[in-house]
N, C-alpha and C. Protein backbone atom coordinates (compact mmCIF):
# COMPACT_ATOMS: atom_id res chain seq x y z
N PRO A 1 -3.11 0.42 -11.76
CA PRO A 1 -1.74 0.75 -10.78
C PRO A 1 -0.78 2.46 -11.22
N PRO A 2 -0.15 2.82 -10.19
CA PRO A 2 0.25 4.03 -10.71
C PRO A 2 1.20 4.62 -11.63
N PRO A 3 1.73 5.06 -12.39
CA PRO A 3 2.36 5.49 -13.29
C PRO A 3 4.11 5.00 -12.68
N ASP A 4 4.91 4.13 -13.60
CA ASP A 4 6.54 4.56 -13.46
C ASP A 4 7.01 5.40 -13.39
N HIS A 5 7.28 6.18 -12.23
CA HIS A 5 8.47 7.70 -12.43
C HIS A 5 9.16 7.65 -11.09
N LEU A 6 10.49 8.13 -11.55
CA LEU A 6 11.18 8.57 -10.35
C LEU A 6 10.59 9.79 -9.67
N TYR A 7 10.82 10.36 -8.22
CA TYR A 7 10.54 11.12 -7.48
C TYR A 7 11.68 11.50 -6.59
N GLY A 8 11.74 13.06 -6.57
CA GLY A 8 12.95 13.92 -5.57
C GLY A 8 12.83 13.53 -4.02
N SER A 9 11.45 12.83 -3.63
CA SER A 9 11.40 12.61 -2.11
C SER A 9 10.30 11.63 -1.69
N TYR A 10 10.60 10.80 -0.76
CA TYR A 10 9.74 10.15 -0.32
C TYR A 10 7.79 10.30 -0.01
N GLU A 11 7.91 11.77 0.08
CA GLU A 11 6.90 12.67 0.46
C GLU A 11 5.98 12.88 -1.41
N GLU A 12 6.91 13.15 -1.89
CA GLU A 12 6.69 13.42 -3.29
C GLU A 12 5.73 12.07 -3.69
N ALA A 13 6.54 10.77 -3.58
CA ALA A 13 6.32 9.80 -4.52
C ALA A 13 4.43 9.63 -3.51
N TYR A 14 4.77 9.77 -2.09
CA TYR A 14 3.36 9.47 -1.17
C TYR A 14 2.49 9.96 -1.63
N SER A 15 2.45 11.12 -2.18
CA SER A 15 1.52 12.27 -2.56
C SER A 15 0.98 11.75 -3.96
N ALA A 16 1.92 11.58 -4.87
CA ALA A 16 1.67 10.99 -6.10
C ALA A 16 0.55 9.52 -6.16
N LEU A 17 1.15 8.81 -5.07
CA LEU A 17 0.42 7.48 -4.81
C LEU A 17 -0.99 7.77 -4.32
N ARG A 18 -1.14 9.02 -3.41
CA ARG A 18 -2.28 9.39 -2.93
C ARG A 18 -3.27 9.62 -4.02
N ALA A 19 -2.76 10.10 -5.00
CA ALA A 19 -3.66 11.56 -5.63
C ALA A 19 -4.36 10.49 -6.37
N HIS A 20 -3.58 9.43 -7.05
CA HIS A 20 -3.76 8.37 -8.12
C HIS A 20 -4.60 7.63 -7.66
N GLY A 21 -4.40 7.55 -6.42
CA GLY A 21 -5.69 6.51 -5.34
C GLY A 21 -6.88 6.88 -5.45
N ILE A 22 -6.91 8.13 -4.83
CA ILE A 22 -8.00 8.78 -4.96
C ILE A 22 -8.78 8.81 -6.24
N GLN A 23 -7.92 9.11 -7.23
CA GLN A 23 -8.60 9.46 -8.51
C GLN A 23 -9.27 8.28 -9.02
N HIS A 24 -8.38 7.24 -8.43
CA HIS A 24 -8.94 5.83 -8.78
C HIS A 24 -9.90 4.86 -8.26
N GLY A 25 -10.28 6.03 -7.14
CA GLY A 25 -11.47 5.04 -6.47
C GLY A 25 -10.82 4.09 -5.10
N TYR A 26 -9.38 3.88 -5.25
CA TYR A 26 -8.91 2.88 -3.92
C TYR A 26 -8.11 3.85 -2.84
N SER A 27 -7.98 3.16 -1.77
CA SER A 27 -7.64 3.45 -0.42
C SER A 27 -6.07 2.57 -0.12
N LEU A 28 -5.07 3.10 0.17
CA LEU A 28 -3.91 2.21 0.51
C LEU A 28 -3.62 2.44 2.13
N ILE A 29 -3.10 1.36 2.51
CA ILE A 29 -2.90 1.51 3.78
C ILE A 29 -1.05 1.24 4.03
N LEU A 30 -0.54 2.14 4.51
CA LEU A 30 1.08 1.54 5.03
C LEU A 30 1.13 0.21 6.01
N LYS A 31 1.77 -1.00 4.96
CA LYS A 31 1.59 -2.18 5.77
C LYS A 31 2.96 -2.50 6.87
N ARG A 32 4.31 -1.92 6.39
CA ARG A 32 5.62 -1.79 7.08
C ARG A 32 6.68 -0.55 6.42
N SER A 33 7.74 -0.33 6.75
CA SER A 33 8.43 -0.06 6.70
C SER A 33 10.21 -0.49 6.87
N TRP A 34 11.11 -0.40 6.18
CA TRP A 34 12.54 -1.21 6.44
C TRP A 34 13.56 0.06 6.46
N PRO A 35 14.25 0.02 7.01
CA PRO A 35 14.78 -0.90 8.24
C PRO A 35 13.73 -0.50 9.24
N HIS A 36 12.90 -1.62 9.99
CA HIS A 36 12.47 -1.41 11.19
C HIS A 36 13.29 -0.47 12.38
N ASN A 37 14.25 -0.56 12.57
CA ASN A 37 14.56 0.40 13.94
C ASN A 37 15.41 1.53 13.76
N SER A 38 15.25 1.71 12.72
CA SER A 38 15.56 3.25 12.12
C SER A 38 15.14 4.48 11.87
N ALA A 39 15.22 5.48 12.45
CA ALA A 39 14.74 6.60 11.97
C ALA A 39 14.78 7.11 10.39
N ILE A 40 15.19 6.58 9.29
CA ILE A 40 15.99 6.57 7.84
C ILE A 40 15.26 5.58 7.53
N LYS A 41 14.22 5.57 7.03
CA LYS A 41 13.80 4.42 5.89
C LYS A 41 14.02 4.55 4.83
N THR A 42 14.20 3.52 3.78
CA THR A 42 14.54 3.45 2.52
C THR A 42 13.49 2.53 1.77
N ARG A 43 12.16 2.33 2.58
CA ARG A 43 11.30 1.10 1.67
C ARG A 43 10.23 1.32 2.62
N TYR A 44 8.79 1.43 1.81
CA TYR A 44 7.90 1.58 2.56
C TYR A 44 7.20 0.66 1.78
N TYR A 45 6.36 -0.47 2.43
CA TYR A 45 5.48 -1.14 1.86
C TYR A 45 3.74 -1.26 1.98
N TYR A 46 3.46 -0.66 0.79
CA TYR A 46 1.56 -0.20 0.92
C TYR A 46 0.98 -1.58 0.54
N HIS A 47 -0.44 -1.84 0.76
CA HIS A 47 -1.22 -2.71 0.83
C HIS A 47 -2.54 -1.76 0.73
N CYS A 48 -3.33 -2.63 -0.19
CA CYS A 48 -4.98 -2.00 -0.49
C CYS A 48 -5.69 -2.39 1.12
N ASP A 49 -6.44 -1.16 1.09
CA ASP A 49 -7.01 -1.29 2.52
C ASP A 49 -7.96 -2.75 2.70
N HIS A 50 -8.20 -3.16 1.84
CA HIS A 50 -9.21 -4.56 1.79
C HIS A 50 -7.98 -5.94 1.47
N PHE A 51 -6.55 -5.75 2.04
CA PHE A 51 -5.83 -6.92 1.85
C PHE A 51 -6.07 -8.02 2.85
N ARG A 52 -6.37 -7.99 4.57
CA ARG A 52 -6.27 -9.04 5.10
C ARG A 52 -7.87 -9.95 4.79
N ASN A 53 -7.20 -11.09 4.97
CA ASN A 53 -8.19 -11.70 5.12
C ASN A 53 -8.87 -11.90 6.28
N ASN A 54 -10.21 -12.66 5.71
CA ASN A 54 -11.15 -12.25 6.93
C ASN A 54 -10.81 -13.43 8.08
N TYR A 55 -10.95 -12.97 9.02
CA TYR A 55 -10.15 -14.14 10.27
C TYR A 55 -11.23 -14.85 10.63
N GLN A 56 -10.82 -16.21 10.59
CA GLN A 56 -11.74 -17.43 11.26
C GLN A 56 -11.78 -17.94 12.54
N SER A 57 -12.00 -17.68 13.48
CA SER A 57 -12.33 -18.11 14.86
C SER A 57 -13.35 -18.97 15.24
N THR A 58 -12.65 -19.58 15.92
CA THR A 58 -13.73 -20.73 17.18
C THR A 58 -14.31 -19.90 18.28
N ALA A 59 -14.05 -18.74 18.49
CA ALA A 59 -14.81 -18.45 19.46
C ALA A 59 -16.24 -18.01 19.03
N LYS A 60 -16.92 -17.14 20.18
CA LYS A 60 -18.19 -16.73 19.96
C LYS A 60 -17.82 -15.50 18.89
N VAL A 61 -18.93 -16.01 18.13
CA VAL A 61 -19.13 -15.27 16.73
C VAL A 61 -19.97 -13.50 16.57
N LEU A 62 -19.27 -12.59 16.82
CA LEU A 62 -20.05 -11.45 16.93
C LEU A 62 -20.08 -11.09 15.48
N SER A 63 -21.25 -10.41 15.55
CA SER A 63 -22.52 -9.39 14.61
C SER A 63 -21.58 -8.29 14.03
N THR A 64 -20.47 -8.39 13.47
CA THR A 64 -19.69 -7.53 12.46
C THR A 64 -19.12 -7.34 11.20
N SER A 65 -19.13 -5.88 11.02
CA SER A 65 -18.97 -6.46 9.03
C SER A 65 -17.38 -5.93 9.47
N THR A 66 -17.16 -6.33 7.94
CA THR A 66 -15.21 -5.91 7.43
C THR A 66 -15.81 -5.57 5.93
N ARG A 67 -14.57 -4.75 6.11
CA ARG A 67 -14.14 -4.47 4.28
C ARG A 67 -12.88 -5.52 3.71
N SER A 68 -12.48 -6.31 4.32
CA SER A 68 -11.34 -6.84 3.78
C SER A 68 -11.81 -8.40 3.65
N THR A 69 -10.85 -8.08 2.02
CA THR A 69 -11.63 -9.55 0.99
C THR A 69 -10.52 -10.37 0.83
N GLY A 70 -9.15 -9.89 1.18
CA GLY A 70 -7.79 -10.62 0.84
C GLY A 70 -7.54 -9.65 -0.43
N CYS A 71 -7.62 -9.02 -0.62
CA CYS A 71 -6.97 -8.02 -1.89
C CYS A 71 -5.51 -8.58 -2.35
N PRO A 72 -4.82 -8.75 -2.81
CA PRO A 72 -3.84 -9.10 -3.44
C PRO A 72 -2.81 -7.79 -4.22
N PHE A 73 -3.31 -6.76 -4.11
CA PHE A 73 -2.53 -5.38 -4.61
C PHE A 73 -1.50 -4.78 -3.51
N ARG A 74 -0.23 -4.33 -4.01
CA ARG A 74 0.57 -4.13 -3.39
C ARG A 74 1.59 -3.58 -3.92
N LEU A 75 2.26 -2.72 -3.44
CA LEU A 75 3.10 -2.02 -3.96
C LEU A 75 4.39 -1.58 -3.26
N VAL A 76 5.74 -1.23 -3.57
CA VAL A 76 6.92 -0.90 -2.54
C VAL A 76 6.96 0.65 -3.02
N ILE A 77 7.40 1.84 -2.14
CA ILE A 77 8.01 2.86 -2.31
C ILE A 77 9.75 2.63 -1.61
N PHE A 78 10.27 2.79 -2.56
CA PHE A 78 11.93 2.56 -2.18
C PHE A 78 12.84 3.52 -2.76
N ARG A 79 14.04 3.90 -1.91
CA ARG A 79 14.77 4.62 -2.28
C ARG A 79 16.05 4.43 -2.99
N ILE A 80 16.46 4.66 -4.49
CA ILE A 80 17.45 3.95 -4.85
C ILE A 80 18.34 4.08 -4.57
N LYS A 81 19.17 2.90 -4.27
CA LYS A 81 20.55 3.03 -4.38
C LYS A 81 21.76 3.81 -4.66
N HIS A 82 22.27 4.60 -3.65
CA HIS A 82 23.18 5.58 -4.21
C HIS A 82 22.80 6.57 -5.13
N SER A 83 21.59 7.17 -4.71
CA SER A 83 20.83 7.93 -5.05
C SER A 83 19.66 9.19 -3.99
N ASN A 84 19.32 10.39 -4.27
CA ASN A 84 18.08 10.21 -2.98
C ASN A 84 16.84 10.75 -4.33
N GLN A 85 16.66 9.51 -5.34
CA GLN A 85 15.79 9.50 -5.89
C GLN A 85 14.87 8.43 -5.36
N TRP A 86 13.52 8.50 -5.48
CA TRP A 86 12.96 7.32 -4.75
C TRP A 86 12.02 6.60 -6.31
N LYS A 87 11.56 5.44 -6.04
CA LYS A 87 10.43 4.59 -6.97
C LYS A 87 9.34 3.90 -6.10
N LEU A 88 8.30 3.84 -7.30
CA LEU A 88 7.37 3.30 -6.88
C LEU A 88 6.76 2.13 -7.59
N GLU A 89 6.76 1.20 -7.04
CA GLU A 89 6.80 -0.37 -7.77
C GLU A 89 5.63 -0.91 -7.63
N VAL A 90 5.08 -1.31 -8.19
CA VAL A 90 3.96 -1.68 -7.97
C VAL A 90 3.52 -3.70 -8.04
N GLN A 91 4.10 -4.28 -6.60
CA GLN A 91 4.52 -5.80 -6.96
C GLN A 91 2.98 -6.47 -7.36
N ASN A 92 1.75 -6.13 -7.01
CA ASN A 92 0.74 -6.86 -7.43
C ASN A 92 -0.53 -5.94 -8.07
N LYS A 93 -0.92 -5.59 -9.52
CA LYS A 93 -1.71 -4.75 -9.55
C LYS A 93 -3.46 -5.28 -9.83
N ASP A 94 -3.48 -6.14 -9.11
CA ASP A 94 -4.65 -6.71 -9.19
C ASP A 94 -5.39 -6.35 -7.80
N HIS A 95 -6.92 -5.86 -8.09
CA HIS A 95 -7.63 -5.92 -7.41
C HIS A 95 -8.86 -6.91 -7.23
N ASN A 96 -9.30 -7.53 -6.15
CA ASN A 96 -10.64 -8.87 -5.98
C ASN A 96 -11.49 -7.73 -5.74
N HIS A 97 -12.12 -6.65 -5.69
CA HIS A 97 -13.41 -5.91 -5.26
C HIS A 97 -13.08 -4.49 -6.42
N SER A 98 -14.71 -3.90 -5.85
CA SER A 98 -14.78 -2.90 -6.77
C SER A 98 -13.99 -1.57 -5.98
N GLN A 99 -14.28 -0.01 -6.42
CA GLN A 99 -14.10 1.02 -5.72
C GLN A 99 -14.29 0.97 -4.37
N SER A 100 -13.01 0.99 -3.55
CA SER A 100 -13.41 1.39 -1.87
C SER A 100 -13.41 2.76 -1.73
N ILE A 101 -13.37 3.66 -2.33
CA ILE A 101 -13.79 4.99 -1.74
C ILE A 101 -14.06 6.12 -3.11
């Protein structure tokens, strides 16, 4: 997981996250941000790009492939209350697959 560190902005935290991910061979996607209907966000939730479970449908089976493995790795970048600093916090550090990039 990325090191615990305080950042001066969301962009700085995100850049550190991307650099760490590339260095260690994984990619993350933004799952959601909070508050939802506000232009000013205070939390960003990221998941591993392999996070989604394969969807099982009773409809006609198509011949497709997916990178989804249900990977549990996730983290949040959030602004510390009453401060302009941002923190990156890993909520689940485990991956269930090999490097993705």
